[in-house]
C-alpha atoms as a PDB file:
ATOM      1  CA  MET A   1     -15.568   1.287 -25.690  1.00  0.00           C
ATOM      2  CA  ASN A   2     -14.375  -0.632 -28.769  1.00  0.00           C
ATOM      3  CA  LYS A   3     -12.741  -4.129 -28.914  1.00  0.00           C
ATOM      4  CA  HIS A   4      -9.109  -2.418 -29.147  1.00  0.00           C
ATOM      5  CA  ASP A   5      -9.773  -0.311 -26.056  1.00  0.00           C
ATOM      6  CA  THR A   6     -11.230  -3.400 -24.380  1.00  0.00           C
ATOM      7  CA  ASN A   7      -8.063  -5.191 -25.063  1.00  0.00           C
ATOM      8  CA  TYR A   8      -5.665  -2.531 -24.045  1.00  0.00           C
ATOM      9  CA  LEU A   9      -7.342  -2.180 -20.667  1.00  0.00           C
ATOM     10  CA  ALA A  10      -7.449  -5.790 -20.217  1.00  0.00           C
ATOM     11  CA  THR A  11      -3.598  -5.798 -20.709  1.00  0.00           C
ATOM     12  CA  LEU A  12      -3.136  -2.988 -18.132  1.00  0.00           C
ATOM     13  CA  LYS A  13      -5.270  -4.535 -15.718  1.00  0.00           C
ATOM     14  CA  ALA A  14      -3.336  -7.988 -16.008  1.00  0.00           C
ATOM     15  CA  ILE A  15      -0.059  -6.010 -15.560  1.00  0.00           C
ATOM     16  CA  SER A  16      -1.351  -4.007 -12.692  1.00  0.00           C
ATOM     17  CA  ALA A  17      -2.503  -7.511 -11.012  1.00  0.00           C
ATOM     18  CA  ILE A  18       0.961  -8.775 -11.395  1.00  0.00           C
ATOM     19  CA  ALA A  19       2.616  -5.854 -10.224  1.00  0.00           C
ATOM     20  CA  LEU A  20       0.640  -5.511  -7.261  1.00  0.00           C
ATOM     21  CA  LEU A  21       1.208  -9.335  -6.345  1.00  0.00           C
ATOM     22  CA  ILE A  22       5.020  -8.907  -6.633  1.00  0.00           C
ATOM     23  CA  ALA A  23       4.774  -5.756  -4.473  1.00  0.00           C
ATOM     24  CA  VAL A  24       4.625  -7.973  -1.458  1.00  0.00           C
ATOM     25  CA  LEU A  25       8.249  -8.621  -1.858  1.00  0.00           C
ATOM     26  CA  HIS A  26      10.954  -6.125  -0.811  1.00  0.00           C
ATOM     27  CA  TRP A  27      11.620  -3.617  -3.641  1.00  0.00           C
ATOM     28  CA  PRO A  28      13.124  -0.083  -3.590  1.00  0.00           C
ATOM     29  CA  TYR A  29      10.992   2.744  -2.839  1.00  0.00           C
ATOM     30  CA  PHE A  30      10.907   3.695  -6.407  1.00  0.00           C
ATOM     31  CA  TYR A  31       8.962   0.716  -7.368  1.00  0.00           C
ATOM     32  CA  TYR A  32       6.024   1.387  -4.742  1.00  0.00           C
ATOM     33  CA  GLN A  33       6.016   4.930  -6.022  1.00  0.00           C
ATOM     34  CA  PHE A  34       5.810   3.559  -9.950  1.00  0.00           C
ATOM     35  CA  LEU A  35       3.057   1.143  -8.588  1.00  0.00           C
ATOM     36  CA  ARG A  36       0.707   3.734  -7.149  1.00  0.00           C
ATOM     37  CA  TRP A  37       0.996   5.562 -10.488  1.00  0.00           C
ATOM     38  CA  LEU A  38       0.365   2.523 -12.409  1.00  0.00           C
ATOM     39  CA  VAL A  39      -2.668   1.147 -10.167  1.00  0.00           C
ATOM     40  CA  CYS A  40      -4.124   4.619  -9.711  1.00  0.00           C
ATOM     41  CA  GLY A  41      -4.008   5.434 -13.545  1.00  0.00           C
ATOM     42  CA  VAL A  42      -5.536   1.881 -14.356  1.00  0.00           C
ATOM     43  CA  SER A  43      -8.043   2.180 -11.709  1.00  0.00           C
ATOM     44  CA  ALA A  44      -9.286   5.613 -12.808  1.00  0.00           C
ATOM     45  CA  TYR A  45      -9.420   4.436 -16.473  1.00  0.00           C
ATOM     46  CA  SER A  46     -11.355   1.349 -15.506  1.00  0.00           C
ATOM     47  CA  ALA A  47     -13.640   3.316 -13.516  1.00  0.00           C
ATOM     48  CA  TYR A  48     -14.451   5.494 -16.590  1.00  0.00           C
ATOM     49  CA  SER A  49     -14.797   2.328 -18.667  1.00  0.00           C
ATOM     50  CA  GLU A  50     -17.419   0.883 -16.207  1.00  0.00           C
ATOM     51  CA  TYR A  51     -19.258   4.329 -16.232  1.00  0.00           C
ATOM     52  CA  GLU A  52     -19.410   3.776 -19.986  1.00  0.00           C
ATOM     53  CA  GLU A  53     -20.762   0.213 -19.533  1.00  0.00           C
ATOM     54  CA  LYS A  54     -23.209   1.399 -16.726  1.00  0.00           C
ATOM     55  CA  ASP A  55     -21.935  -0.615 -14.136  1.00  0.00           C
ATOM     56  CA  GLN A  56     -22.078   1.503 -10.934  1.00  0.00           C
ATOM     57  CA  LEU A  57     -20.578  -1.371  -8.614  1.00  0.00           C
ATOM     58  CA  TRP A  58     -17.542  -1.970 -10.615  1.00  0.00           C
ATOM     59  CA  LEU A  59     -17.192   1.882 -11.036  1.00  0.00           C
ATOM     60  CA  TRP A  60     -17.118   2.544  -7.374  1.00  0.00           C
ATOM     61  CA  ILE A  61     -14.864  -0.458  -6.541  1.00  0.00           C
ATOM     62  CA  PHE A  62     -12.319   1.096  -9.158  1.00  0.00           C
ATOM     63  CA  ALA A  63     -12.840   4.627  -7.861  1.00  0.00           C
ATOM     64  CA  VAL A  64     -11.889   3.547  -4.309  1.00  0.00           C
ATOM     65  CA  ILE A  65      -8.806   1.835  -5.679  1.00  0.00           C
ATOM     66  CA  ALA A  66      -7.743   4.950  -7.523  1.00  0.00           C
ATOM     67  CA  ILE A  67      -8.224   6.943  -4.408  1.00  0.00           C
ATOM     68  CA  ILE A  68      -6.258   4.671  -1.858  1.00  0.00           C
ATOM     69  CA  PHE A  69      -3.479   4.345  -4.462  1.00  0.00           C
ATOM     70  CA  ASN A  70      -3.671   8.025  -5.562  1.00  0.00           C
ATOM     71  CA  PRO A  71       0.080   8.918  -5.709  1.00  0.00           C
ATOM     72  CA  ILE A  72      -0.451  12.769  -5.307  1.00  0.00           C
ATOM     73  CA  ALA A  73      -2.491  12.903  -2.145  1.00  0.00           C
ATOM     74  CA  SER A  74      -1.132   9.719  -0.421  1.00  0.00           C
ATOM     75  CA  PHE A  75      -2.291   7.606   2.134  1.00  0.00           C
ATOM     76  CA  TYR A  76       0.417   6.374   4.440  1.00  0.00           C
ATOM     77  CA  PHE A  77       0.062   2.936   5.980  1.00  0.00           C
ATOM     78  CA  GLN A  78       2.196   0.234   7.391  1.00  0.00           C
ATOM     79  CA  ARG A  79       3.787  -2.240   5.240  1.00  0.00           C
ATOM     80  CA  GLU A  80       1.474  -4.975   6.219  1.00  0.00           C
ATOM     81  CA  ILE A  81      -1.442  -3.073   5.395  1.00  0.00           C
ATOM     82  CA  TRP A  82      -0.127  -1.925   1.946  1.00  0.00           C
ATOM     83  CA  ALA A  83       0.477  -5.683   1.416  1.00  0.00           C
ATOM     84  CA  THR A  84      -3.011  -6.599   2.213  1.00  0.00           C
ATOM     85  CA  PHE A  85      -4.135  -3.673  -0.072  1.00  0.00           C
ATOM     86  CA  ASN A  86      -2.054  -4.810  -2.873  1.00  0.00           C
ATOM     87  CA  VAL A  87      -3.293  -8.444  -2.845  1.00  0.00           C
ATOM     88  CA  VAL A  88      -7.166  -7.413  -2.459  1.00  0.00           C
ATOM     89  CA  ALA A  89      -6.668  -4.821  -5.433  1.00  0.00           C
ATOM     90  CA  SER A  90      -4.964  -7.598  -7.573  1.00  0.00           C
ATOM     91  CA  VAL A  91      -7.604  -9.954  -6.746  1.00  0.00           C
ATOM     92  CA  ILE A  92     -10.229  -7.453  -7.815  1.00  0.00           C
ATOM     93  CA  PHE A  93      -8.467  -6.685 -11.105  1.00  0.00           C
ATOM     94  CA  ILE A  94      -8.512 -10.492 -11.622  1.00  0.00           C
ATOM     95  CA  VAL A  95     -11.961 -11.078 -11.029  1.00  0.00           C
ATOM     96  CA  ASN A  96     -13.023  -8.123 -13.102  1.00  0.00           C
ATOM     97  CA  LEU A  97     -11.050  -9.344 -16.022  1.00  0.00           C
ATOM     98  CA  ALA A  98     -12.733 -12.656 -15.780  1.00  0.00           C
ATOM     99  CA  ILE A  99     -16.367 -11.017 -15.742  1.00  0.00           C
ATOM    100  CA  THR A 100     -15.484  -8.500 -18.134  1.00  0.00           C
ATOM    101  CA  LYS A 101     -14.208 -11.122 -20.745  1.00  0.00           C
ATOM    102  CA  ARG A 102     -17.633 -12.838 -20.678  1.00  0.00           C
ATOM    103  CA  ARG A 103     -19.438  -9.295 -21.217  1.00  0.00           C
ATOM    104  CA  PRO A 104     -20.870  -8.557 -24.582  1.00  0.00           C
ATOM    105  CA  HIS A 105     -18.970  -5.443 -26.128  1.00  0.00           C
ATOM    106  CA  GLU A 106     -19.917  -3.072 -28.781  1.00  0.00           C
ATOM    107  CA  THR A 107     -17.596  -2.794 -31.729  1.00  0.00           C
ATOM    108  CA  LYS A 108     -17.667   0.786 -33.164  1.00  0.00           C
END
């Protein structure tokens, strides 16, 4: 993954982390639908990125997040459980950003 792609993905992860944190507030249902698409897409792209980096742990973490937030085959949980998932996923994105920022990247 080149530097431009890495910066793009980092931006998407940061946006997802913020969107997940503010999701604990009360929003219209559309926001939560949008959030599922955003988080699922960014998580799937992150899983692919980690596959390219040969980092199996992060690949599986992002794959699980993509499955949980999948907007097509949705899981239905109580609001409190979703709030917990949102915060945990946000923290995961933030931790991954901190770790991958220090990871050396190829420039193609």
